[in-house]
Amino acid sequence: MSTEVINLPKIKSVEFLNSSIMFIHLANDRTFLVPLDQFPTIKKLTTEQKKDYEIIDDAHLSFLAIDDVFSVAELLGMK
């Protein structure tokens, strides 16, 4: 049995277009549009709370107002 190693892209920054759309900017210069309907806990955050995020180990996104931690794979729909 072989195991395939997948190199996930690294998160560079996050930007909110409006209350329904989030952009994930990656270190490889790609940008993904993420509909926030897929992440209701993020969608419920206020504009100010959405600004208060941190990127953990280039691979996870966390907001100080909620306890959830989102992986890059989850945000990009790979998981």
Foldseek 3Di string as FASTA:
>chain_A
DDDDDDDDFFFDDKDDPDLFWIWTQTPVRDIDIAGCVLPVVQSPDDPVQNVQWDGDPRFWIDTPVDDDIHGSCVRRVND
